[in-house]
């Protein structure tokens, strides 16, 4: 667990709780819970939690790299043909690599200004929907998407406090928004446990 400090601001990111998900009768994949807790002005929500799979991290890195060509992005854990999702050591090694990747990304102010990163960390939108949102092809904005996703999930006590404070200026983020957002049928609800990642395969 590393908190990245910038003056009085901090961003804590955890990648944890790997779970095997069935894609169809032949294919499975592992996704990981990404937990964010921050007081940074860069973030729309101060606490959030989503589930992402390895190929979505690959997409994120490619998009960030293409938008910040002069920055050398950190590497993702290598995609090895010998990766075995039934091997707890393999899964935990990848989980650790994904966490280190995000920790490094979140230390860069330029990368932090990329809306795709925020949609990746604070909504369950697919890469295609994130692209559409960032390029203005959706009825909802990046902030709308993040608020809408948060409203579909169990709130954290700290969020409730902040919500009470900011109730008056909630404005465009009301839940009647007809953005059509929300987890797709196969998305996984995020429990946001405080326990460390289990090594279930």
N, C-alpha and C. Protein backbone atom coordinates (compact mmCIF):
# COMPACT_ATOMS: atom_id res chain seq x y z
N UNK A 1 0.87 -1.19 0.00
CA UNK A 1 0.00 0.00 0.00
C UNK A 1 0.90 1.24 0.00
N UNK A 2 0.76 2.03 -1.04
CA UNK A 2 1.58 3.24 -1.13
C UNK A 2 0.67 4.43 -1.33
N UNK A 3 0.85 5.44 -0.54
CA UNK A 3 0.15 6.70 -0.77
C UNK A 3 1.11 7.64 -1.48
N UNK A 4 0.67 8.16 -2.61
CA UNK A 4 1.51 9.07 -3.38
C UNK A 4 1.18 10.48 -2.92
N UNK A 5 2.17 11.16 -2.32
CA UNK A 5 1.91 12.48 -1.75
C UNK A 5 2.36 13.58 -2.71
N UNK A 6 1.55 14.61 -2.86
CA UNK A 6 1.98 15.80 -3.58
C UNK A 6 1.55 16.96 -2.70
N UNK A 7 2.51 17.65 -2.06
CA UNK A 7 2.27 18.62 -1.00
C UNK A 7 1.31 17.99 0.01
N UNK A 8 0.11 18.56 0.19
CA UNK A 8 -0.82 17.97 1.16
C UNK A 8 -1.78 16.98 0.49
N UNK A 9 -1.64 16.79 -0.80
CA UNK A 9 -2.55 15.86 -1.50
C UNK A 9 -1.99 14.45 -1.47
N UNK A 10 -2.89 13.46 -1.47
CA UNK A 10 -2.44 12.08 -1.55
C UNK A 10 -3.39 11.29 -2.46
N UNK A 11 -2.84 10.25 -3.06
CA UNK A 11 -3.66 9.29 -3.81
C UNK A 11 -3.22 7.90 -3.36
N UNK A 12 -4.13 7.15 -2.81
CA UNK A 12 -3.84 5.77 -2.44
C UNK A 12 -4.50 4.87 -3.47
N UNK A 13 -3.74 3.97 -4.06
CA UNK A 13 -4.31 3.04 -5.03
C UNK A 13 -3.96 1.61 -4.61
N UNK A 14 -4.95 0.74 -4.68
CA UNK A 14 -4.74 -0.67 -4.38
C UNK A 14 -5.30 -1.49 -5.54
N UNK A 15 -4.53 -2.46 -5.98
CA UNK A 15 -5.07 -3.46 -6.92
C UNK A 15 -5.12 -4.75 -6.13
N UNK A 16 -6.32 -5.35 -6.04
CA UNK A 16 -6.49 -6.47 -5.11
C UNK A 16 -7.63 -7.39 -5.56
N UNK A 17 -7.86 -8.42 -4.79
CA UNK A 17 -8.99 -9.33 -4.97
C UNK A 17 -9.12 -9.87 -6.40
N UNK A 18 -8.09 -10.58 -6.91
CA UNK A 18 -8.24 -11.18 -8.24
C UNK A 18 -9.34 -12.23 -8.24
N UNK A 19 -10.17 -12.20 -9.27
CA UNK A 19 -11.26 -13.19 -9.38
C UNK A 19 -11.33 -13.73 -10.80
N UNK A 20 -11.62 -15.01 -10.91
CA UNK A 20 -11.80 -15.62 -12.23
C UNK A 20 -13.23 -15.39 -12.68
N UNK A 21 -13.38 -14.87 -13.89
CA UNK A 21 -14.70 -14.63 -14.48
C UNK A 21 -14.84 -15.49 -15.73
N UNK A 22 -16.01 -16.05 -15.92
CA UNK A 22 -16.25 -16.85 -17.12
C UNK A 22 -16.71 -15.96 -18.26
N UNK A 23 -16.00 -16.03 -19.39
CA UNK A 23 -16.38 -15.24 -20.55
C UNK A 23 -17.43 -15.99 -21.35
N UNK A 24 -17.19 -17.26 -21.57
CA UNK A 24 -18.16 -18.16 -22.22
C UNK A 24 -17.80 -19.56 -21.76
N UNK A 25 -18.36 -20.58 -22.38
CA UNK A 25 -18.12 -21.93 -21.87
C UNK A 25 -16.67 -22.38 -22.05
N UNK A 26 -15.92 -21.71 -22.93
CA UNK A 26 -14.54 -22.12 -23.18
C UNK A 26 -13.50 -21.20 -22.54
N UNK A 27 -13.86 -19.94 -22.33
CA UNK A 27 -12.85 -18.96 -21.92
C UNK A 27 -13.16 -18.35 -20.57
N UNK A 28 -12.09 -18.17 -19.79
CA UNK A 28 -12.18 -17.43 -18.52
C UNK A 28 -11.10 -16.37 -18.50
N UNK A 29 -11.25 -15.41 -17.64
CA UNK A 29 -10.21 -14.41 -17.45
C UNK A 29 -10.23 -13.98 -15.99
N UNK A 30 -9.18 -13.28 -15.59
CA UNK A 30 -9.11 -12.78 -14.20
C UNK A 30 -9.28 -11.27 -14.23
N UNK A 31 -10.11 -10.76 -13.35
CA UNK A 31 -10.15 -9.31 -13.18
C UNK A 31 -9.75 -8.95 -11.76
N UNK A 32 -9.42 -7.69 -11.58
CA UNK A 32 -8.85 -7.20 -10.32
C UNK A 32 -9.63 -5.97 -9.87
N UNK A 33 -9.76 -5.83 -8.57
CA UNK A 33 -10.42 -4.66 -8.02
C UNK A 33 -9.40 -3.52 -7.90
N UNK A 34 -9.77 -2.34 -8.40
CA UNK A 34 -8.92 -1.15 -8.25
C UNK A 34 -9.61 -0.22 -7.26
N UNK A 35 -8.96 0.01 -6.14
CA UNK A 35 -9.52 0.85 -5.09
C UNK A 35 -8.72 2.16 -5.04
N UNK A 36 -9.42 3.27 -5.08
CA UNK A 36 -8.79 4.59 -5.01
C UNK A 36 -9.32 5.35 -3.80
N UNK A 37 -8.41 5.94 -3.04
CA UNK A 37 -8.82 6.87 -1.98
C UNK A 37 -7.89 8.07 -2.08
N UNK A 38 -8.46 9.27 -2.19
CA UNK A 38 -7.64 10.45 -2.45
C UNK A 38 -8.32 11.71 -1.93
N UNK A 39 -7.52 12.74 -1.74
CA UNK A 39 -8.09 14.07 -1.50
C UNK A 39 -7.68 15.01 -2.62
N UNK A 40 -7.14 14.44 -3.70
CA UNK A 40 -6.63 15.25 -4.81
C UNK A 40 -7.75 15.95 -5.57
N UNK A 41 -7.50 17.20 -5.92
CA UNK A 41 -8.47 17.97 -6.70
C UNK A 41 -8.64 17.39 -8.11
N UNK A 42 -7.69 16.56 -8.54
CA UNK A 42 -7.76 15.98 -9.89
C UNK A 42 -8.90 14.99 -10.03
N UNK A 43 -9.36 14.42 -8.89
CA UNK A 43 -10.34 13.34 -8.96
C UNK A 43 -11.76 13.83 -8.69
N UNK A 44 -12.69 13.33 -9.49
CA UNK A 44 -14.11 13.67 -9.32
C UNK A 44 -14.65 13.05 -8.04
N UNK A 45 -14.33 11.76 -7.82
CA UNK A 45 -14.74 11.07 -6.58
C UNK A 45 -13.50 10.87 -5.72
N UNK A 46 -13.70 10.99 -4.42
CA UNK A 46 -12.55 10.84 -3.52
C UNK A 46 -12.31 9.38 -3.16
N UNK A 47 -13.31 8.55 -3.31
CA UNK A 47 -13.16 7.12 -3.05
C UNK A 47 -13.90 6.37 -4.13
N UNK A 48 -13.28 5.37 -4.70
CA UNK A 48 -13.95 4.61 -5.75
C UNK A 48 -13.35 3.22 -5.85
N UNK A 49 -14.06 2.36 -6.55
CA UNK A 49 -13.61 1.00 -6.67
C UNK A 49 -14.28 0.36 -7.89
N UNK A 50 -13.46 -0.17 -8.79
CA UNK A 50 -13.97 -0.80 -10.01
C UNK A 50 -13.21 -2.12 -10.23
N UNK A 51 -13.68 -2.92 -11.18
CA UNK A 51 -12.96 -4.14 -11.54
C UNK A 51 -12.50 -4.03 -12.98
N UNK A 52 -11.24 -4.37 -13.22
CA UNK A 52 -10.66 -4.32 -14.57
C UNK A 52 -9.83 -5.57 -14.84
N UNK A 53 -9.79 -5.95 -16.12
CA UNK A 53 -8.99 -7.10 -16.51
C UNK A 53 -7.71 -6.62 -17.20
N UNK A 54 -6.77 -7.55 -17.40
CA UNK A 54 -5.44 -7.20 -17.90
C UNK A 54 -5.51 -6.47 -19.24
N UNK A 55 -6.36 -6.96 -20.16
CA UNK A 55 -6.39 -6.33 -21.49
C UNK A 55 -6.86 -4.88 -21.44
N UNK A 56 -7.64 -4.52 -20.41
CA UNK A 56 -8.05 -3.11 -20.26
C UNK A 56 -6.88 -2.25 -19.78
N UNK A 57 -5.99 -2.82 -18.96
CA UNK A 57 -4.76 -2.11 -18.58
C UNK A 57 -3.89 -1.87 -19.82
N UNK A 58 -3.82 -2.88 -20.71
CA UNK A 58 -3.04 -2.75 -21.94
C UNK A 58 -3.59 -1.60 -22.78
N UNK A 59 -4.91 -1.56 -22.91
CA UNK A 59 -5.57 -0.47 -23.67
C UNK A 59 -5.22 0.88 -23.04
N UNK A 60 -5.34 0.97 -21.71
CA UNK A 60 -5.07 2.24 -21.03
C UNK A 60 -3.64 2.71 -21.31
N UNK A 61 -2.70 1.81 -21.19
CA UNK A 61 -1.30 2.20 -21.39
C UNK A 61 -1.08 2.71 -22.82
N UNK A 62 -1.67 2.02 -23.79
CA UNK A 62 -1.52 2.46 -25.19
C UNK A 62 -2.11 3.84 -25.41
N UNK A 63 -3.28 4.10 -24.85
CA UNK A 63 -3.93 5.40 -25.04
C UNK A 63 -3.15 6.51 -24.33
N UNK A 64 -2.70 6.24 -23.11
CA UNK A 64 -1.91 7.26 -22.39
C UNK A 64 -0.62 7.56 -23.14
N UNK A 65 0.01 6.50 -23.67
CA UNK A 65 1.27 6.70 -24.40
C UNK A 65 1.06 7.52 -25.66
N UNK A 66 -0.04 7.27 -26.37
CA UNK A 66 -0.26 8.01 -27.61
C UNK A 66 -0.59 9.48 -27.34
N UNK A 67 -1.12 9.78 -26.16
CA UNK A 67 -1.46 11.16 -25.83
C UNK A 67 -0.33 11.89 -25.13
N UNK A 68 0.67 11.17 -24.68
CA UNK A 68 1.81 11.80 -23.99
C UNK A 68 3.09 11.19 -24.56
N UNK A 69 3.30 11.44 -25.84
CA UNK A 69 4.38 10.78 -26.58
C UNK A 69 5.76 10.98 -25.96
N UNK A 70 5.96 12.11 -25.28
CA UNK A 70 7.30 12.41 -24.75
C UNK A 70 7.57 11.74 -23.40
N UNK A 71 6.54 11.19 -22.81
CA UNK A 71 6.71 10.55 -21.50
C UNK A 71 6.99 9.06 -21.70
N UNK A 72 7.96 8.56 -20.98
CA UNK A 72 8.21 7.11 -21.01
C UNK A 72 7.32 6.46 -19.95
N UNK A 73 6.28 5.79 -20.41
CA UNK A 73 5.34 5.18 -19.45
C UNK A 73 5.95 3.94 -18.81
N UNK A 74 5.58 3.66 -17.56
CA UNK A 74 6.05 2.43 -16.92
C UNK A 74 5.49 1.22 -17.67
N UNK A 75 6.18 0.11 -17.55
CA UNK A 75 5.74 -1.12 -18.21
C UNK A 75 4.67 -1.82 -17.38
N UNK A 76 3.84 -2.57 -18.08
CA UNK A 76 2.91 -3.48 -17.42
C UNK A 76 3.65 -4.79 -17.16
N UNK A 77 3.14 -5.62 -16.25
CA UNK A 77 3.77 -6.94 -16.10
C UNK A 77 3.68 -7.66 -17.45
N UNK A 78 4.72 -8.38 -17.82
CA UNK A 78 4.77 -8.96 -19.17
C UNK A 78 3.66 -10.00 -19.35
N UNK A 79 3.13 -10.02 -20.57
CA UNK A 79 2.08 -11.00 -20.87
C UNK A 79 2.76 -12.27 -21.36
N UNK A 80 2.92 -13.20 -20.46
CA UNK A 80 3.65 -14.41 -20.79
C UNK A 80 2.69 -15.52 -21.23
N UNK A 81 3.09 -16.31 -22.24
CA UNK A 81 2.24 -17.43 -22.66
C UNK A 81 2.14 -18.49 -21.58
N UNK A 82 3.04 -18.41 -20.58
CA UNK A 82 3.04 -19.42 -19.51
C UNK A 82 2.19 -18.99 -18.32
N UNK A 83 1.51 -17.83 -18.45
CA UNK A 83 0.67 -17.36 -17.33
C UNK A 83 -0.42 -18.38 -17.05
N UNK A 84 -0.54 -18.77 -15.79
CA UNK A 84 -1.54 -19.78 -15.41
C UNK A 84 -2.46 -19.17 -14.37
N UNK A 85 -3.73 -18.96 -14.76
CA UNK A 85 -4.66 -18.31 -13.83
C UNK A 85 -5.02 -19.18 -12.64
N UNK A 86 -4.63 -20.44 -12.67
CA UNK A 86 -4.87 -21.31 -11.52
C UNK A 86 -3.68 -21.33 -10.56
N UNK A 87 -2.64 -20.59 -10.93
CA UNK A 87 -1.44 -20.53 -10.09
C UNK A 87 -1.46 -19.23 -9.27
N UNK A 88 -1.70 -19.33 -7.96
CA UNK A 88 -1.81 -18.12 -7.13
C UNK A 88 -0.58 -17.21 -7.22
N UNK A 89 0.61 -17.83 -7.40
CA UNK A 89 1.83 -17.02 -7.49
C UNK A 89 1.82 -16.17 -8.76
N UNK A 90 1.43 -16.77 -9.89
CA UNK A 90 1.35 -16.03 -11.16
C UNK A 90 0.36 -14.88 -11.04
N UNK A 91 -0.81 -15.18 -10.47
CA UNK A 91 -1.86 -14.17 -10.37
C UNK A 91 -1.42 -13.03 -9.46
N UNK A 92 -0.78 -13.36 -8.34
CA UNK A 92 -0.40 -12.31 -7.42
C UNK A 92 0.77 -11.48 -7.98
N UNK A 93 1.64 -12.12 -8.73
CA UNK A 93 2.75 -11.40 -9.35
C UNK A 93 2.20 -10.37 -10.35
N UNK A 94 1.19 -10.78 -11.12
CA UNK A 94 0.58 -9.84 -12.07
C UNK A 94 -0.15 -8.73 -11.32
N UNK A 95 -0.87 -9.08 -10.27
CA UNK A 95 -1.59 -8.07 -9.47
C UNK A 95 -0.63 -7.01 -8.95
N UNK A 96 0.52 -7.47 -8.45
CA UNK A 96 1.54 -6.55 -7.93
C UNK A 96 2.05 -5.62 -9.03
N UNK A 97 2.30 -6.20 -10.21
CA UNK A 97 2.80 -5.42 -11.34
C UNK A 97 1.79 -4.37 -11.78
N UNK A 98 0.52 -4.72 -11.76
CA UNK A 98 -0.54 -3.78 -12.15
C UNK A 98 -0.62 -2.64 -11.14
N UNK A 99 -0.46 -2.97 -9.86
CA UNK A 99 -0.50 -1.93 -8.83
C UNK A 99 0.68 -0.97 -8.99
N UNK A 100 1.87 -1.52 -9.23
CA UNK A 100 3.05 -0.66 -9.41
C UNK A 100 2.89 0.24 -10.63
N UNK A 101 2.29 -0.31 -11.69
CA UNK A 101 2.04 0.48 -12.89
C UNK A 101 1.16 1.69 -12.57
N UNK A 102 0.04 1.46 -11.85
CA UNK A 102 -0.87 2.56 -11.52
C UNK A 102 -0.21 3.56 -10.56
N UNK A 103 0.56 3.05 -9.60
CA UNK A 103 1.23 3.97 -8.66
C UNK A 103 2.14 4.95 -9.41
N UNK A 104 2.87 4.44 -10.40
CA UNK A 104 3.78 5.31 -11.16
C UNK A 104 3.00 6.28 -12.04
N UNK A 105 1.94 5.80 -12.68
CA UNK A 105 1.11 6.65 -13.54
C UNK A 105 0.55 7.83 -12.73
N UNK A 106 0.09 7.53 -11.51
CA UNK A 106 -0.58 8.55 -10.70
C UNK A 106 0.38 9.58 -10.12
N UNK A 107 1.66 9.40 -10.33
CA UNK A 107 2.62 10.41 -9.88
C UNK A 107 2.91 11.46 -10.96
N UNK A 108 2.36 11.25 -12.15
CA UNK A 108 2.66 12.15 -13.27
C UNK A 108 1.49 13.09 -13.53
N UNK A 109 1.73 14.38 -13.35
CA UNK A 109 0.65 15.38 -13.47
C UNK A 109 0.05 15.39 -14.87
N UNK A 110 0.87 15.19 -15.91
CA UNK A 110 0.36 15.19 -17.28
C UNK A 110 -0.59 14.01 -17.52
N UNK A 111 -0.17 12.84 -17.06
CA UNK A 111 -1.03 11.66 -17.23
C UNK A 111 -2.31 11.79 -16.42
N UNK A 112 -2.21 12.42 -15.25
CA UNK A 112 -3.38 12.63 -14.39
C UNK A 112 -4.43 13.52 -15.05
N UNK A 113 -4.00 14.29 -16.06
CA UNK A 113 -4.96 15.18 -16.72
C UNK A 113 -5.71 14.47 -17.84
N UNK A 114 -5.38 13.19 -18.09
CA UNK A 114 -6.05 12.45 -19.17
C UNK A 114 -7.38 11.86 -18.66
N UNK A 115 -8.46 12.25 -19.31
CA UNK A 115 -9.79 11.81 -18.87
C UNK A 115 -9.95 10.29 -18.93
N UNK A 116 -9.24 9.65 -19.86
CA UNK A 116 -9.37 8.18 -19.96
C UNK A 116 -8.93 7.51 -18.67
N UNK A 117 -7.87 8.05 -18.07
CA UNK A 117 -7.38 7.47 -16.81
C UNK A 117 -8.46 7.53 -15.74
N UNK A 118 -9.17 8.64 -15.66
CA UNK A 118 -10.21 8.80 -14.63
C UNK A 118 -11.41 7.89 -14.90
N UNK A 119 -11.78 7.76 -16.16
CA UNK A 119 -12.88 6.85 -16.50
C UNK A 119 -12.48 5.41 -16.22
N UNK A 120 -11.23 5.07 -16.48
CA UNK A 120 -10.72 3.72 -16.22
C UNK A 120 -10.76 3.40 -14.73
N UNK A 121 -10.36 4.38 -13.91
CA UNK A 121 -10.25 4.15 -12.46
C UNK A 121 -11.57 4.30 -11.72
N UNK A 122 -12.52 5.08 -12.28
CA UNK A 122 -13.70 5.42 -11.47
C UNK A 122 -15.04 5.12 -12.14
N UNK A 123 -15.02 4.38 -13.25
CA UNK A 123 -16.28 3.87 -13.83
C UNK A 123 -16.03 2.46 -14.33
N UNK A 124 -17.11 1.79 -14.72
CA UNK A 124 -16.95 0.45 -15.28
C UNK A 124 -17.18 0.48 -16.79
N UNK A 125 -17.05 1.66 -17.41
CA UNK A 125 -17.24 1.77 -18.85
C UNK A 125 -16.22 0.92 -19.60
N UNK A 126 -16.63 0.39 -20.75
CA UNK A 126 -15.71 -0.38 -21.59
C UNK A 126 -14.74 0.58 -22.28
N UNK A 127 -13.61 0.09 -22.80
CA UNK A 127 -12.70 0.96 -23.55
C UNK A 127 -13.40 1.72 -24.67
N UNK A 128 -14.31 1.06 -25.39
CA UNK A 128 -15.02 1.74 -26.49
C UNK A 128 -15.86 2.89 -25.95
N UNK A 129 -16.56 2.66 -24.84
CA UNK A 129 -17.39 3.72 -24.25
C UNK A 129 -16.55 4.85 -23.66
N UNK A 130 -15.39 4.48 -23.13
CA UNK A 130 -14.49 5.52 -22.59
C UNK A 130 -14.01 6.42 -23.72
N UNK A 131 -13.64 5.82 -24.85
CA UNK A 131 -13.20 6.60 -26.02
C UNK A 131 -14.31 7.52 -26.49
N UNK A 132 -15.52 6.97 -26.58
CA UNK A 132 -16.66 7.76 -27.06
C UNK A 132 -16.92 8.93 -26.12
N UNK A 133 -16.84 8.69 -24.83
CA UNK A 133 -17.09 9.74 -23.83
C UNK A 133 -16.04 10.84 -23.94
N UNK A 134 -14.77 10.45 -24.02
CA UNK A 134 -13.68 11.42 -24.07
C UNK A 134 -13.75 12.26 -25.35
N UNK A 135 -14.20 11.64 -26.45
CA UNK A 135 -14.24 12.39 -27.71
C UNK A 135 -15.59 13.09 -27.93
N UNK A 136 -16.42 13.15 -26.86
CA UNK A 136 -17.65 13.94 -26.92
C UNK A 136 -18.78 13.30 -27.72
N UNK A 137 -18.73 11.98 -27.91
CA UNK A 137 -19.78 11.31 -28.69
C UNK A 137 -20.90 10.75 -27.82
N UNK A 138 -20.87 11.05 -26.54
CA UNK A 138 -21.92 10.55 -25.65
C UNK A 138 -22.71 11.72 -25.07
N UNK A 139 -23.90 11.41 -24.57
CA UNK A 139 -24.74 12.46 -23.96
C UNK A 139 -24.18 12.86 -22.60
N UNK A 140 -23.36 11.99 -22.03
CA UNK A 140 -22.83 12.25 -20.69
C UNK A 140 -21.37 12.68 -20.76
N UNK A 141 -20.97 13.52 -19.81
CA UNK A 141 -19.58 13.97 -19.72
C UNK A 141 -18.78 12.98 -18.88
N UNK A 142 -17.49 13.19 -18.79
CA UNK A 142 -16.63 12.35 -17.95
C UNK A 142 -17.10 12.41 -16.49
N UNK A 143 -17.37 13.63 -16.00
CA UNK A 143 -17.84 13.78 -14.60
C UNK A 143 -19.19 13.11 -14.40
N UNK A 144 -20.10 13.24 -15.39
CA UNK A 144 -21.41 12.56 -15.30
C UNK A 144 -21.20 11.06 -15.14
N UNK A 145 -20.31 10.51 -15.98
CA UNK A 145 -20.08 9.06 -15.97
C UNK A 145 -19.58 8.59 -14.61
N UNK A 146 -18.66 9.36 -14.04
CA UNK A 146 -18.09 8.97 -12.74
C UNK A 146 -19.12 9.09 -11.62
N UNK A 147 -19.90 10.16 -11.63
CA UNK A 147 -20.94 10.31 -10.61
C UNK A 147 -22.02 9.24 -10.75
N UNK A 148 -22.40 8.96 -11.98
CA UNK A 148 -23.44 7.96 -12.22
C UNK A 148 -22.99 6.59 -11.73
N UNK A 149 -21.73 6.24 -12.04
CA UNK A 149 -21.23 4.94 -11.60
C UNK A 149 -21.22 4.86 -10.08
N UNK A 150 -20.80 5.94 -9.43
CA UNK A 150 -20.75 5.96 -7.96
C UNK A 150 -22.15 5.77 -7.37
N UNK A 151 -23.16 6.36 -8.03
CA UNK A 151 -24.52 6.28 -7.49
C UNK A 151 -25.08 4.86 -7.61
N UNK A 152 -24.48 4.04 -8.48
CA UNK A 152 -24.96 2.67 -8.65
C UNK A 152 -24.30 1.71 -7.66
N UNK A 153 -23.33 2.21 -6.92
CA UNK A 153 -22.59 1.36 -6.00
C UNK A 153 -22.76 1.82 -4.57
N UNK A 154 -22.52 0.89 -3.65
CA UNK A 154 -22.61 1.21 -2.23
C UNK A 154 -21.67 2.35 -1.90
N UNK A 155 -22.18 3.35 -1.20
CA UNK A 155 -21.34 4.51 -0.87
C UNK A 155 -20.42 4.19 0.31
N UNK A 156 -19.33 4.88 0.35
CA UNK A 156 -18.42 4.81 1.49
C UNK A 156 -18.87 5.88 2.49
N UNK A 157 -18.69 5.64 3.78
CA UNK A 157 -19.08 6.66 4.77
C UNK A 157 -18.47 8.02 4.46
N UNK A 158 -17.21 8.03 4.04
CA UNK A 158 -16.53 9.31 3.77
C UNK A 158 -17.21 10.04 2.61
N UNK A 159 -17.71 9.27 1.64
CA UNK A 159 -18.41 9.87 0.50
C UNK A 159 -19.72 10.51 0.95
N UNK A 160 -20.40 9.84 1.88
CA UNK A 160 -21.68 10.38 2.36
C UNK A 160 -21.47 11.75 2.99
N UNK A 161 -20.40 11.87 3.77
CA UNK A 161 -20.10 13.16 4.40
C UNK A 161 -19.90 14.24 3.34
N UNK A 162 -19.08 13.90 2.33
CA UNK A 162 -18.79 14.89 1.28
C UNK A 162 -20.05 15.23 0.49
N UNK A 163 -20.90 14.20 0.30
CA UNK A 163 -22.12 14.43 -0.48
C UNK A 163 -23.04 15.41 0.26
N UNK A 164 -23.13 15.25 1.59
CA UNK A 164 -23.98 16.17 2.36
C UNK A 164 -23.49 17.60 2.21
N UNK A 165 -22.16 17.75 2.27
CA UNK A 165 -21.58 19.08 2.14
C UNK A 165 -21.88 19.68 0.78
N UNK A 166 -21.79 18.84 -0.25
CA UNK A 166 -21.92 19.37 -1.61
C UNK A 166 -23.29 19.16 -2.23
N UNK A 167 -24.29 18.82 -1.38
CA UNK A 167 -25.63 18.52 -1.89
C UNK A 167 -26.18 19.64 -2.76
N UNK A 168 -25.97 20.87 -2.30
CA UNK A 168 -26.58 22.01 -2.99
C UNK A 168 -26.09 22.18 -4.42
N UNK A 169 -24.80 21.87 -4.68
CA UNK A 169 -24.31 22.08 -6.04
C UNK A 169 -24.22 20.78 -6.83
N UNK A 170 -25.10 19.84 -6.50
CA UNK A 170 -25.09 18.55 -7.22
C UNK A 170 -25.41 18.74 -8.70
N UNK A 171 -26.34 19.62 -9.00
CA UNK A 171 -26.63 20.03 -10.38
C UNK A 171 -26.82 18.89 -11.36
N UNK A 172 -25.96 18.85 -12.40
CA UNK A 172 -26.19 17.95 -13.52
C UNK A 172 -25.98 16.48 -13.19
N UNK A 173 -25.57 16.16 -11.95
CA UNK A 173 -25.27 14.77 -11.67
C UNK A 173 -26.43 14.05 -10.99
N UNK A 174 -27.64 14.54 -11.19
CA UNK A 174 -28.77 13.88 -10.54
C UNK A 174 -28.97 12.51 -11.16
N UNK A 175 -29.59 11.61 -10.38
CA UNK A 175 -29.69 10.24 -10.84
C UNK A 175 -30.74 10.07 -11.92
N UNK A 176 -31.52 11.11 -12.21
CA UNK A 176 -32.50 10.99 -13.27
C UNK A 176 -31.85 11.21 -14.64
N UNK A 177 -30.55 11.49 -14.62
CA UNK A 177 -29.82 11.69 -15.88
C UNK A 177 -30.07 10.53 -16.83
N UNK A 178 -30.45 10.84 -18.07
CA UNK A 178 -30.79 9.78 -19.01
C UNK A 178 -29.56 9.39 -19.83
N UNK A 179 -28.45 9.20 -19.14
CA UNK A 179 -27.21 8.93 -19.85
C UNK A 179 -27.12 7.49 -20.34
N UNK A 180 -27.99 6.62 -19.82
CA UNK A 180 -27.90 5.23 -20.23
C UNK A 180 -26.67 4.54 -19.66
N UNK A 181 -26.09 5.15 -18.63
CA UNK A 181 -24.90 4.54 -18.04
C UNK A 181 -25.30 3.43 -17.11
N UNK A 182 -24.29 2.71 -16.70
CA UNK A 182 -24.53 1.68 -15.70
C UNK A 182 -23.79 0.44 -16.10
N UNK A 183 -23.58 -0.46 -15.15
CA UNK A 183 -22.83 -1.65 -15.48
C UNK A 183 -23.59 -2.50 -16.47
N UNK A 184 -22.90 -3.11 -17.40
CA UNK A 184 -23.56 -4.01 -18.33
C UNK A 184 -23.92 -5.29 -17.59
N UNK A 185 -24.72 -6.14 -18.24
CA UNK A 185 -25.23 -7.33 -17.58
C UNK A 185 -24.13 -8.18 -16.97
N UNK A 186 -22.96 -8.20 -17.65
CA UNK A 186 -21.93 -9.11 -17.18
C UNK A 186 -20.92 -8.41 -16.27
N UNK A 187 -21.18 -7.16 -15.89
CA UNK A 187 -20.20 -6.50 -15.03
C UNK A 187 -20.32 -7.03 -13.61
N UNK A 188 -19.24 -6.93 -12.89
CA UNK A 188 -19.17 -7.53 -11.56
C UNK A 188 -19.38 -6.45 -10.52
N UNK A 189 -20.24 -6.69 -9.55
CA UNK A 189 -20.42 -5.67 -8.52
C UNK A 189 -19.18 -5.65 -7.64
N UNK A 190 -18.86 -4.48 -7.18
CA UNK A 190 -17.59 -4.27 -6.49
C UNK A 190 -17.84 -4.21 -4.99
N UNK A 191 -17.28 -5.13 -4.26
CA UNK A 191 -17.58 -5.17 -2.83
C UNK A 191 -16.73 -4.20 -2.02
N UNK A 192 -15.59 -3.83 -2.55
CA UNK A 192 -14.72 -2.85 -1.87
C UNK A 192 -14.43 -3.25 -0.44
N UNK A 193 -13.95 -4.46 -0.28
CA UNK A 193 -13.61 -4.94 1.07
C UNK A 193 -12.35 -4.24 1.56
N UNK A 194 -12.21 -4.19 2.87
CA UNK A 194 -10.98 -3.62 3.43
C UNK A 194 -9.92 -4.69 3.59
N UNK A 195 -10.28 -5.95 3.34
CA UNK A 195 -9.31 -7.02 3.54
C UNK A 195 -8.31 -7.07 2.40
N UNK A 196 -7.14 -7.64 2.62
CA UNK A 196 -6.16 -7.74 1.55
C UNK A 196 -6.64 -8.69 0.46
N UNK A 197 -5.99 -8.65 -0.70
CA UNK A 197 -6.42 -9.47 -1.83
C UNK A 197 -6.34 -10.95 -1.47
N UNK A 198 -7.39 -11.67 -1.83
CA UNK A 198 -7.33 -13.11 -1.63
C UNK A 198 -6.60 -13.70 -2.82
N UNK A 199 -6.12 -14.93 -2.65
CA UNK A 199 -5.39 -15.53 -3.76
C UNK A 199 -6.23 -16.62 -4.39
N UNK A 200 -7.51 -16.40 -4.51
CA UNK A 200 -8.33 -17.41 -5.16
C UNK A 200 -8.01 -17.42 -6.64
N UNK A 201 -8.07 -18.58 -7.24
CA UNK A 201 -7.73 -18.64 -8.67
C UNK A 201 -8.95 -18.98 -9.48
